[in-house]
Amino acid sequence: MSDAAHRLLWTIIALLLVAGGGVALAVSFGELPVGDPGAVLLGAGLLNPWRLAAPWSTLAAAVVGVLLALAGLQLLNRAPRRPDRALRGILSHPGRRPGRTRLAAEVLTRALERDLTGNAGVHRARVILSGTPPRPDVWIRVDMTADARAAGVREHVHDAVRRFATTADCQPAHLDVTARIEPGGP
């Protein structure tokens, strides 16, 4: 959901809550000709079934309240978050036209890790990005199998970083690659 859609959604929710509170306040002061301000909240048509369904009616109201609270919490969790640093959570590039291209940095790191583990000699890979988007710092740790050729793995890492730089339109300012050879089996 975009920032504008979130703002619109929260504006609508706020307006509905303010309108509901204003109507309830006006009814309680007798300003609206809806009914007697001293009358019960539920009319006789709803009050009798409510009392007949007790204690289940109270439990149902509590469940509805909890579900509404969870829905509100889900909305808050999905609210857009701004990263503290340029590349911490979102990689952002200005486009040729007004607007921006945004990619989650975690998506890029996972994609580069998948690309690196595509070689038979690479057992596991870990990638960390930091810095600013046009020239990020890239740290790579590659765990090689015991029978892997170092030259082949080095060429594979070089090709994977080149593909990453082309795809993300980011040339690494600093590239640090650590290769570890896992001990072979007996």
N, C-alpha and C. Protein backbone atom coordinates (compact mmCIF):
# COMPACT_ATOMS: atom_id res chain seq x y z
N MET A 1 0.85 -1.17 0.00
CA MET A 1 0.00 0.00 0.00
C MET A 1 0.90 1.23 0.00
N SER A 2 0.57 2.21 -0.81
CA SER A 2 1.41 3.40 -0.93
C SER A 2 1.20 4.34 0.26
N ASP A 3 2.09 5.32 0.36
CA ASP A 3 1.98 6.31 1.43
C ASP A 3 0.66 7.07 1.34
N ALA A 4 0.27 7.45 0.13
CA ALA A 4 -0.98 8.20 -0.05
C ALA A 4 -2.19 7.35 0.37
N ALA A 5 -2.17 6.06 0.04
CA ALA A 5 -3.28 5.19 0.42
C ALA A 5 -3.35 5.02 1.94
N HIS A 6 -2.19 4.91 2.59
CA HIS A 6 -2.19 4.83 4.05
C HIS A 6 -2.73 6.12 4.67
N ARG A 7 -2.30 7.25 4.16
CA ARG A 7 -2.81 8.52 4.70
C ARG A 7 -4.31 8.62 4.52
N LEU A 8 -4.81 8.22 3.35
CA LEU A 8 -6.25 8.27 3.09
C LEU A 8 -7.00 7.33 4.03
N LEU A 9 -6.49 6.11 4.20
CA LEU A 9 -7.14 5.15 5.09
C LEU A 9 -7.20 5.67 6.52
N TRP A 10 -6.08 6.18 7.04
CA TRP A 10 -6.07 6.68 8.41
C TRP A 10 -6.90 7.94 8.56
N THR A 11 -6.99 8.76 7.52
CA THR A 11 -7.86 9.94 7.57
C THR A 11 -9.32 9.53 7.65
N ILE A 12 -9.71 8.54 6.87
CA ILE A 12 -11.10 8.06 6.90
C ILE A 12 -11.42 7.45 8.27
N ILE A 13 -10.51 6.65 8.81
CA ILE A 13 -10.74 6.05 10.13
C ILE A 13 -10.85 7.14 11.19
N ALA A 14 -9.99 8.15 11.14
CA ALA A 14 -10.04 9.24 12.12
C ALA A 14 -11.34 10.02 12.00
N LEU A 15 -11.77 10.30 10.77
CA LEU A 15 -13.02 11.05 10.59
C LEU A 15 -14.22 10.26 11.10
N LEU A 16 -14.23 8.95 10.86
CA LEU A 16 -15.33 8.12 11.37
C LEU A 16 -15.35 8.10 12.89
N LEU A 17 -14.20 7.99 13.52
CA LEU A 17 -14.16 8.00 14.98
C LEU A 17 -14.58 9.35 15.55
N VAL A 18 -14.12 10.44 14.94
CA VAL A 18 -14.52 11.77 15.41
C VAL A 18 -16.01 11.99 15.20
N ALA A 19 -16.55 11.57 14.05
CA ALA A 19 -17.98 11.74 13.79
C ALA A 19 -18.81 10.92 14.77
N GLY A 20 -18.39 9.67 15.03
CA GLY A 20 -19.12 8.84 15.99
C GLY A 20 -19.08 9.43 17.38
N GLY A 21 -17.92 9.93 17.81
CA GLY A 21 -17.82 10.56 19.12
C GLY A 21 -18.64 11.84 19.20
N GLY A 22 -18.66 12.62 18.13
CA GLY A 22 -19.46 13.85 18.11
C GLY A 22 -20.94 13.57 18.19
N VAL A 23 -21.41 12.55 17.46
CA VAL A 23 -22.83 12.18 17.50
C VAL A 23 -23.20 11.68 18.89
N ALA A 24 -22.36 10.84 19.48
CA ALA A 24 -22.65 10.33 20.82
C ALA A 24 -22.69 11.46 21.84
N LEU A 25 -21.77 12.43 21.71
CA LEU A 25 -21.76 13.56 22.62
C LEU A 25 -23.00 14.43 22.44
N ALA A 26 -23.38 14.67 21.19
CA ALA A 26 -24.57 15.48 20.93
C ALA A 26 -25.83 14.80 21.45
N VAL A 27 -25.92 13.48 21.29
CA VAL A 27 -27.09 12.75 21.81
C VAL A 27 -27.11 12.80 23.33
N SER A 28 -25.95 12.67 23.97
CA SER A 28 -25.93 12.68 25.43
C SER A 28 -26.31 14.04 26.01
N PHE A 29 -26.07 15.14 25.28
CA PHE A 29 -26.48 16.47 25.73
C PHE A 29 -27.88 16.83 25.27
N GLY A 30 -28.53 15.93 24.53
CA GLY A 30 -29.89 16.18 24.08
C GLY A 30 -29.97 17.17 22.93
N GLU A 31 -28.89 17.38 22.22
CA GLU A 31 -28.87 18.32 21.10
C GLU A 31 -29.49 17.75 19.84
N LEU A 32 -29.51 16.44 19.72
CA LEU A 32 -30.11 15.81 18.54
C LEU A 32 -31.47 15.24 18.93
N PRO A 33 -32.46 15.37 18.07
CA PRO A 33 -33.79 14.86 18.41
C PRO A 33 -33.90 13.36 18.20
N VAL A 34 -32.84 12.63 18.51
CA VAL A 34 -32.84 11.18 18.31
C VAL A 34 -33.61 10.49 19.42
N GLY A 35 -33.48 10.96 20.59
CA GLY A 35 -34.15 10.31 21.70
C GLY A 35 -33.83 11.01 23.00
N ASP A 36 -34.23 10.38 24.06
CA ASP A 36 -34.02 10.92 25.40
C ASP A 36 -32.57 10.70 25.81
N PRO A 37 -31.88 11.77 26.29
CA PRO A 37 -30.48 11.57 26.71
C PRO A 37 -30.33 10.64 27.90
N GLY A 38 -31.36 10.45 28.67
CA GLY A 38 -31.28 9.55 29.83
C GLY A 38 -31.68 8.13 29.48
N ALA A 39 -32.05 7.86 28.23
CA ALA A 39 -32.49 6.53 27.85
C ALA A 39 -31.30 5.58 27.77
N VAL A 40 -31.59 4.30 27.80
CA VAL A 40 -30.54 3.29 27.68
C VAL A 40 -29.98 3.29 26.27
N LEU A 41 -28.75 2.82 26.13
CA LEU A 41 -28.09 2.82 24.84
C LEU A 41 -28.77 1.88 23.86
N LEU A 42 -29.12 0.70 24.32
CA LEU A 42 -29.83 -0.24 23.47
C LEU A 42 -31.33 -0.08 23.69
N GLY A 43 -32.08 -0.03 22.61
CA GLY A 43 -33.53 0.09 22.72
C GLY A 43 -34.14 -1.21 23.23
N ALA A 44 -35.43 -1.19 23.46
CA ALA A 44 -36.12 -2.39 23.99
C ALA A 44 -36.01 -3.55 23.02
N GLY A 45 -35.95 -3.24 21.70
CA GLY A 45 -35.84 -4.31 20.70
C GLY A 45 -34.51 -5.04 20.77
N LEU A 46 -33.46 -4.36 21.19
CA LEU A 46 -32.14 -5.00 21.31
C LEU A 46 -31.81 -5.41 22.73
N LEU A 47 -32.40 -4.72 23.69
CA LEU A 47 -32.06 -5.00 25.09
C LEU A 47 -32.54 -6.38 25.54
N ASN A 48 -33.74 -6.77 25.14
CA ASN A 48 -34.26 -8.08 25.55
C ASN A 48 -33.44 -9.24 24.97
N PRO A 49 -33.13 -9.25 23.66
CA PRO A 49 -32.27 -10.33 23.16
C PRO A 49 -30.88 -10.32 23.80
N TRP A 50 -30.37 -9.13 24.10
CA TRP A 50 -29.05 -9.03 24.75
C TRP A 50 -29.09 -9.73 26.11
N ARG A 51 -30.15 -9.47 26.87
CA ARG A 51 -30.27 -10.08 28.20
C ARG A 51 -30.53 -11.58 28.11
N LEU A 52 -31.27 -12.03 27.08
CA LEU A 52 -31.54 -13.46 26.92
C LEU A 52 -30.28 -14.22 26.53
N ALA A 53 -29.39 -13.57 25.79
CA ALA A 53 -28.17 -14.24 25.31
C ALA A 53 -27.03 -14.15 26.32
N ALA A 54 -27.25 -13.51 27.47
CA ALA A 54 -26.18 -13.39 28.47
C ALA A 54 -25.78 -14.77 28.94
N PRO A 55 -24.58 -15.06 29.18
CA PRO A 55 -23.32 -14.33 29.14
C PRO A 55 -22.67 -14.36 27.75
N TRP A 56 -23.29 -15.05 26.80
CA TRP A 56 -22.68 -15.16 25.47
C TRP A 56 -22.65 -13.83 24.72
N SER A 57 -23.61 -12.97 24.99
CA SER A 57 -23.61 -11.67 24.31
C SER A 57 -22.41 -10.83 24.74
N THR A 58 -22.07 -10.89 26.01
CA THR A 58 -20.90 -10.17 26.50
C THR A 58 -19.62 -10.75 25.91
N LEU A 59 -19.55 -12.08 25.85
CA LEU A 59 -18.39 -12.73 25.26
C LEU A 59 -18.26 -12.38 23.78
N ALA A 60 -19.38 -12.36 23.07
CA ALA A 60 -19.35 -12.00 21.64
C ALA A 60 -18.89 -10.56 21.46
N ALA A 61 -19.34 -9.66 22.31
CA ALA A 61 -18.89 -8.26 22.22
C ALA A 61 -17.39 -8.16 22.49
N ALA A 62 -16.90 -8.93 23.45
CA ALA A 62 -15.47 -8.92 23.76
C ALA A 62 -14.65 -9.47 22.59
N VAL A 63 -15.14 -10.53 21.96
CA VAL A 63 -14.43 -11.11 20.81
C VAL A 63 -14.40 -10.11 19.65
N VAL A 64 -15.51 -9.45 19.40
CA VAL A 64 -15.54 -8.44 18.34
C VAL A 64 -14.56 -7.30 18.66
N GLY A 65 -14.51 -6.89 19.91
CA GLY A 65 -13.56 -5.84 20.31
C GLY A 65 -12.11 -6.26 20.11
N VAL A 66 -11.79 -7.51 20.47
CA VAL A 66 -10.43 -8.01 20.29
C VAL A 66 -10.08 -8.09 18.81
N LEU A 67 -11.03 -8.57 17.98
CA LEU A 67 -10.78 -8.64 16.54
C LEU A 67 -10.56 -7.26 15.94
N LEU A 68 -11.33 -6.27 16.38
CA LEU A 68 -11.13 -4.90 15.89
C LEU A 68 -9.78 -4.36 16.33
N ALA A 69 -9.38 -4.68 17.57
CA ALA A 69 -8.07 -4.23 18.05
C ALA A 69 -6.95 -4.88 17.25
N LEU A 70 -7.08 -6.17 16.94
CA LEU A 70 -6.06 -6.84 16.12
C LEU A 70 -6.01 -6.29 14.71
N ALA A 71 -7.17 -5.95 14.15
CA ALA A 71 -7.18 -5.34 12.82
C ALA A 71 -6.49 -3.98 12.85
N GLY A 72 -6.72 -3.21 13.90
CA GLY A 72 -6.03 -1.92 14.04
C GLY A 72 -4.53 -2.10 14.21
N LEU A 73 -4.13 -3.10 14.98
CA LEU A 73 -2.71 -3.38 15.15
C LEU A 73 -2.07 -3.80 13.84
N GLN A 74 -2.79 -4.58 13.05
CA GLN A 74 -2.28 -4.98 11.73
C GLN A 74 -2.11 -3.77 10.83
N LEU A 75 -3.04 -2.84 10.87
CA LEU A 75 -2.91 -1.61 10.08
C LEU A 75 -1.70 -0.80 10.53
N LEU A 76 -1.49 -0.72 11.83
CA LEU A 76 -0.32 0.02 12.33
C LEU A 76 0.99 -0.66 11.93
N ASN A 77 1.01 -1.99 11.94
CA ASN A 77 2.23 -2.70 11.55
C ASN A 77 2.53 -2.54 10.07
N ARG A 78 1.53 -2.34 9.26
CA ARG A 78 1.74 -2.17 7.83
C ARG A 78 2.01 -0.73 7.44
N ALA A 79 1.95 0.16 8.39
CA ALA A 79 2.22 1.57 8.10
C ALA A 79 3.64 1.70 7.57
N PRO A 80 3.85 2.55 6.62
CA PRO A 80 5.19 2.67 6.03
C PRO A 80 6.19 3.19 7.05
N ARG A 81 7.36 2.60 7.04
CA ARG A 81 8.43 3.02 7.94
C ARG A 81 9.55 3.62 7.12
N ARG A 82 10.09 4.69 7.59
CA ARG A 82 11.21 5.33 6.91
C ARG A 82 12.51 4.81 7.52
N PRO A 83 13.43 4.36 6.70
CA PRO A 83 14.71 3.89 7.26
C PRO A 83 15.53 5.05 7.79
N ASP A 84 16.35 4.76 8.82
CA ASP A 84 17.22 5.78 9.40
C ASP A 84 18.33 6.15 8.43
N ARG A 85 18.85 5.17 7.75
CA ARG A 85 19.92 5.42 6.80
C ARG A 85 19.40 5.12 5.40
N ALA A 86 20.12 5.55 4.41
CA ALA A 86 19.64 5.46 3.03
C ALA A 86 19.39 4.02 2.59
N LEU A 87 20.21 3.07 3.00
CA LEU A 87 20.09 1.71 2.47
C LEU A 87 19.65 0.70 3.51
N ARG A 88 19.34 1.15 4.69
CA ARG A 88 19.04 0.23 5.77
C ARG A 88 17.81 -0.62 5.49
N GLY A 89 16.74 -0.03 5.01
CA GLY A 89 15.54 -0.82 4.76
C GLY A 89 15.09 -0.76 3.32
N ILE A 90 15.36 0.33 2.63
CA ILE A 90 14.85 0.50 1.28
C ILE A 90 15.91 1.15 0.41
N LEU A 91 16.11 0.58 -0.76
CA LEU A 91 17.01 1.16 -1.73
C LEU A 91 16.17 2.02 -2.66
N SER A 92 16.53 3.26 -2.81
CA SER A 92 15.70 4.20 -3.56
C SER A 92 16.54 4.93 -4.59
N HIS A 93 16.06 4.93 -5.82
CA HIS A 93 16.73 5.63 -6.91
C HIS A 93 15.76 6.61 -7.55
N PRO A 94 16.20 7.83 -7.83
CA PRO A 94 15.33 8.72 -8.59
C PRO A 94 15.19 8.21 -10.01
N GLY A 95 14.00 8.28 -10.55
CA GLY A 95 13.77 7.84 -11.92
C GLY A 95 13.96 8.98 -12.91
N ARG A 96 13.83 8.64 -14.20
CA ARG A 96 13.93 9.68 -15.23
C ARG A 96 12.72 10.61 -15.19
N ARG A 97 11.61 10.04 -14.87
CA ARG A 97 10.39 10.82 -14.71
C ARG A 97 10.19 11.08 -13.23
N PRO A 98 9.29 11.99 -12.88
CA PRO A 98 9.05 12.22 -11.45
C PRO A 98 8.65 10.92 -10.75
N GLY A 99 9.21 10.71 -9.60
CA GLY A 99 8.93 9.51 -8.84
C GLY A 99 10.23 8.81 -8.49
N ARG A 100 10.11 7.67 -7.83
CA ARG A 100 11.30 6.95 -7.39
C ARG A 100 11.06 5.45 -7.56
N THR A 101 12.14 4.74 -7.76
CA THR A 101 12.10 3.29 -7.76
C THR A 101 12.58 2.84 -6.40
N ARG A 102 11.78 2.02 -5.73
CA ARG A 102 12.12 1.60 -4.39
C ARG A 102 12.23 0.08 -4.34
N LEU A 103 13.32 -0.41 -3.78
CA LEU A 103 13.54 -1.83 -3.59
C LEU A 103 13.94 -2.07 -2.15
N ALA A 104 13.40 -3.10 -1.56
CA ALA A 104 13.81 -3.45 -0.20
C ALA A 104 15.23 -4.00 -0.25
N ALA A 105 16.10 -3.50 0.61
CA ALA A 105 17.50 -3.94 0.63
C ALA A 105 17.58 -5.43 0.95
N GLU A 106 16.66 -5.96 1.76
CA GLU A 106 16.66 -7.38 2.07
C GLU A 106 16.43 -8.22 0.83
N VAL A 107 15.60 -7.72 -0.08
CA VAL A 107 15.35 -8.45 -1.33
C VAL A 107 16.63 -8.53 -2.15
N LEU A 108 17.36 -7.43 -2.21
CA LEU A 108 18.61 -7.42 -2.96
C LEU A 108 19.65 -8.34 -2.34
N THR A 109 19.77 -8.31 -1.02
CA THR A 109 20.77 -9.17 -0.39
C THR A 109 20.42 -10.65 -0.56
N ARG A 110 19.13 -10.99 -0.44
CA ARG A 110 18.72 -12.38 -0.64
C ARG A 110 18.95 -12.82 -2.08
N ALA A 111 18.69 -11.91 -3.02
CA ALA A 111 18.91 -12.25 -4.43
C ALA A 111 20.39 -12.48 -4.71
N LEU A 112 21.25 -11.64 -4.16
CA LEU A 112 22.69 -11.83 -4.35
C LEU A 112 23.16 -13.10 -3.66
N GLU A 113 22.62 -13.41 -2.48
CA GLU A 113 22.98 -14.65 -1.79
C GLU A 113 22.56 -15.86 -2.61
N ARG A 114 21.34 -15.82 -3.20
CA ARG A 114 20.88 -16.92 -4.05
C ARG A 114 21.77 -17.07 -5.27
N ASP A 115 22.17 -15.93 -5.86
CA ASP A 115 23.04 -15.98 -7.03
C ASP A 115 24.40 -16.58 -6.66
N LEU A 116 24.92 -16.21 -5.51
CA LEU A 116 26.23 -16.73 -5.09
C LEU A 116 26.18 -18.22 -4.81
N THR A 117 25.09 -18.71 -4.23
CA THR A 117 24.99 -20.13 -3.91
C THR A 117 24.62 -20.96 -5.13
N GLY A 118 24.47 -20.33 -6.29
CA GLY A 118 24.19 -21.06 -7.53
C GLY A 118 25.38 -21.84 -8.04
N ASN A 119 26.56 -21.59 -7.53
CA ASN A 119 27.77 -22.32 -7.91
C ASN A 119 27.87 -23.56 -7.02
N ALA A 120 28.27 -24.68 -7.63
CA ALA A 120 28.38 -25.94 -6.86
C ALA A 120 29.43 -25.84 -5.77
N GLY A 121 30.43 -24.97 -5.92
CA GLY A 121 31.48 -24.85 -4.93
C GLY A 121 31.12 -23.99 -3.75
N VAL A 122 30.01 -23.28 -3.81
CA VAL A 122 29.59 -22.39 -2.72
C VAL A 122 28.47 -23.07 -1.94
N HIS A 123 28.76 -23.35 -0.67
CA HIS A 123 27.76 -24.00 0.18
C HIS A 123 26.78 -23.00 0.77
N ARG A 124 27.31 -21.85 1.22
CA ARG A 124 26.47 -20.84 1.87
C ARG A 124 27.07 -19.47 1.59
N ALA A 125 26.23 -18.44 1.54
CA ALA A 125 26.71 -17.07 1.33
C ALA A 125 25.93 -16.13 2.22
N ARG A 126 26.60 -15.09 2.69
CA ARG A 126 25.96 -14.04 3.52
C ARG A 126 26.38 -12.71 2.95
N VAL A 127 25.40 -11.81 2.73
CA VAL A 127 25.66 -10.50 2.12
C VAL A 127 25.12 -9.42 3.04
N ILE A 128 25.88 -8.34 3.22
CA ILE A 128 25.45 -7.18 4.00
C ILE A 128 25.69 -5.94 3.13
N LEU A 129 24.66 -5.10 3.03
CA LEU A 129 24.76 -3.83 2.30
C LEU A 129 24.68 -2.69 3.30
N SER A 130 25.47 -1.65 3.06
CA SER A 130 25.36 -0.44 3.87
C SER A 130 25.82 0.73 3.04
N GLY A 131 25.55 1.92 3.51
CA GLY A 131 25.96 3.11 2.78
C GLY A 131 24.81 3.70 1.98
N THR A 132 25.16 4.52 1.00
CA THR A 132 24.15 5.19 0.18
C THR A 132 23.92 4.42 -1.11
N PRO A 133 22.72 4.51 -1.69
CA PRO A 133 22.36 3.68 -2.84
C PRO A 133 23.27 3.76 -4.07
N PRO A 134 23.74 4.91 -4.51
CA PRO A 134 24.52 4.85 -5.75
C PRO A 134 25.85 4.12 -5.58
N ARG A 135 26.43 4.16 -4.37
CA ARG A 135 27.73 3.53 -4.11
C ARG A 135 27.70 2.82 -2.75
N PRO A 136 26.97 1.70 -2.62
CA PRO A 136 26.90 1.03 -1.32
C PRO A 136 28.18 0.25 -1.03
N ASP A 137 28.39 0.00 0.24
CA ASP A 137 29.45 -0.90 0.67
C ASP A 137 28.85 -2.30 0.71
N VAL A 138 29.57 -3.28 0.16
CA VAL A 138 29.06 -4.65 0.09
C VAL A 138 30.05 -5.57 0.80
N TRP A 139 29.55 -6.32 1.79
CA TRP A 139 30.35 -7.31 2.48
C TRP A 139 29.76 -8.67 2.15
N ILE A 140 30.62 -9.57 1.69
CA ILE A 140 30.18 -10.91 1.29
C ILE A 140 31.03 -11.93 2.04
N ARG A 141 30.36 -12.93 2.62
CA ARG A 141 31.06 -14.07 3.19
C ARG A 141 30.59 -15.30 2.45
N VAL A 142 31.54 -16.04 1.87
CA VAL A 142 31.23 -17.22 1.09
C VAL A 142 31.82 -18.43 1.80
N ASP A 143 31.00 -19.42 2.08
CA ASP A 143 31.47 -20.69 2.64
C ASP A 143 31.58 -21.68 1.49
N MET A 144 32.83 -22.06 1.17
CA MET A 144 33.08 -22.95 0.04
C MET A 144 33.13 -24.39 0.51
N THR A 145 32.77 -25.29 -0.38
CA THR A 145 32.91 -26.71 -0.08
C THR A 145 34.40 -27.07 -0.12
N ALA A 146 34.76 -28.18 0.49
CA ALA A 146 36.17 -28.56 0.59
C ALA A 146 36.79 -28.85 -0.77
N ASP A 147 36.00 -29.29 -1.73
CA ASP A 147 36.55 -29.65 -3.04
C ASP A 147 36.41 -28.52 -4.07
N ALA A 148 35.99 -27.34 -3.66
CA ALA A 148 35.78 -26.22 -4.59
C ALA A 148 37.12 -25.63 -5.03
N ARG A 149 37.18 -25.21 -6.27
CA ARG A 149 38.36 -24.52 -6.79
C ARG A 149 38.22 -23.04 -6.47
N ALA A 150 39.22 -22.45 -5.86
CA ALA A 150 39.17 -21.04 -5.46
C ALA A 150 39.03 -20.12 -6.66
N ALA A 151 39.72 -20.42 -7.76
CA ALA A 151 39.65 -19.56 -8.95
C ALA A 151 38.24 -19.57 -9.54
N GLY A 152 37.60 -20.72 -9.55
CA GLY A 152 36.23 -20.81 -10.08
C GLY A 152 35.25 -20.05 -9.21
N VAL A 153 35.40 -20.16 -7.90
CA VAL A 153 34.53 -19.44 -6.97
C VAL A 153 34.77 -17.94 -7.08
N ARG A 154 36.05 -17.54 -7.19
CA ARG A 154 36.37 -16.11 -7.33
C ARG A 154 35.70 -15.54 -8.58
N GLU A 155 35.77 -16.26 -9.70
CA GLU A 155 35.14 -15.79 -10.94
C GLU A 155 33.62 -15.73 -10.79
N HIS A 156 33.05 -16.72 -10.10
CA HIS A 156 31.60 -16.73 -9.88
C HIS A 156 31.17 -15.53 -9.02
N VAL A 157 31.93 -15.23 -7.96
CA VAL A 157 31.62 -14.08 -7.10
C VAL A 157 31.74 -12.80 -7.91
N HIS A 158 32.77 -12.68 -8.71
CA HIS A 158 32.95 -11.48 -9.55
C HIS A 158 31.75 -11.30 -10.49
N ASP A 159 31.31 -12.38 -11.13
CA ASP A 159 30.16 -12.30 -12.05
C ASP A 159 28.87 -11.95 -11.30
N ALA A 160 28.69 -12.53 -10.11
CA ALA A 160 27.48 -12.25 -9.33
C ALA A 160 27.44 -10.79 -8.89
N VAL A 161 28.58 -10.24 -8.48
CA VAL A 161 28.63 -8.83 -8.07
C VAL A 161 28.38 -7.93 -9.28
N ARG A 162 28.91 -8.31 -10.44
CA ARG A 162 28.68 -7.52 -11.65
C ARG A 162 27.18 -7.53 -12.01
N ARG A 163 26.54 -8.70 -11.90
CA ARG A 163 25.10 -8.77 -12.19
C ARG A 163 24.31 -7.93 -11.17
N PHE A 164 24.72 -8.00 -9.90
CA PHE A 164 24.07 -7.19 -8.87
C PHE A 164 24.19 -5.70 -9.19
N ALA A 165 25.39 -5.26 -9.56
CA ALA A 165 25.62 -3.84 -9.86
C ALA A 165 24.77 -3.41 -11.06
N THR A 166 24.63 -4.27 -12.06
CA THR A 166 23.82 -3.93 -13.23
C THR A 166 22.33 -3.90 -12.87
N THR A 167 21.88 -4.89 -12.12
CA THR A 167 20.45 -4.98 -11.77
C THR A 167 20.02 -3.85 -10.85
N ALA A 168 20.81 -3.59 -9.81
CA ALA A 168 20.44 -2.57 -8.81
C ALA A 168 20.89 -1.18 -9.21
N ASP A 169 21.65 -1.07 -10.28
CA ASP A 169 22.19 0.21 -10.74
C ASP A 169 23.01 0.86 -9.62
N CYS A 170 23.80 0.02 -8.94
CA CYS A 170 24.66 0.47 -7.85
C CYS A 170 26.02 -0.17 -8.01
N GLN A 171 27.02 0.62 -8.21
CA GLN A 171 28.38 0.12 -8.26
C GLN A 171 28.94 0.16 -6.84
N PRO A 172 29.35 -0.99 -6.29
CA PRO A 172 29.85 -0.98 -4.91
C PRO A 172 31.04 -0.04 -4.74
N ALA A 173 30.97 0.81 -3.72
CA ALA A 173 32.09 1.69 -3.38
C ALA A 173 33.17 0.88 -2.69
N HIS A 174 32.77 -0.09 -1.91
CA HIS A 174 33.71 -0.94 -1.18
C HIS A 174 33.16 -2.36 -1.26
N LEU A 175 34.01 -3.28 -1.68
CA LEU A 175 33.62 -4.69 -1.77
C LEU A 175 34.59 -5.50 -0.93
N ASP A 176 34.07 -6.20 0.04
CA ASP A 176 34.88 -7.03 0.92
C ASP A 176 34.34 -8.44 0.84
N VAL A 177 35.16 -9.37 0.32
CA VAL A 177 34.76 -10.75 0.17
C VAL A 177 35.63 -11.62 1.07
N THR A 178 34.98 -12.39 1.92
CA THR A 178 35.68 -13.33 2.79
C THR A 178 35.26 -14.73 2.36
N ALA A 179 36.23 -15.58 2.06
CA ALA A 179 35.93 -16.95 1.66
C ALA A 179 36.44 -17.89 2.74
N ARG A 180 35.58 -18.81 3.14
CA ARG A 180 35.96 -19.82 4.13
C ARG A 180 35.79 -21.19 3.49
N ILE A 181 36.71 -22.05 3.74
CA ILE A 181 36.60 -23.41 3.22
C ILE A 181 36.11 -24.30 4.34
N GLU A 182 34.99 -24.97 4.10
CA GLU A 182 34.43 -25.85 5.10
C GLU A 182 35.24 -27.13 5.13
N PRO A 183 35.45 -27.68 6.30
CA PRO A 183 36.22 -28.93 6.38
C PRO A 183 35.50 -30.05 5.66
N GLY A 184 36.27 -30.87 4.97
CA GLY A 184 35.70 -32.01 4.23
C GLY A 184 35.33 -33.15 5.16
N GLY A 185 34.47 -34.00 4.66
CA GLY A 185 34.06 -35.16 5.45
C GLY A 185 35.14 -36.20 5.52
N PRO A 186 35.04 -37.21 6.41
CA PRO A 186 36.07 -38.24 6.57
C PRO A 186 36.14 -39.16 5.38
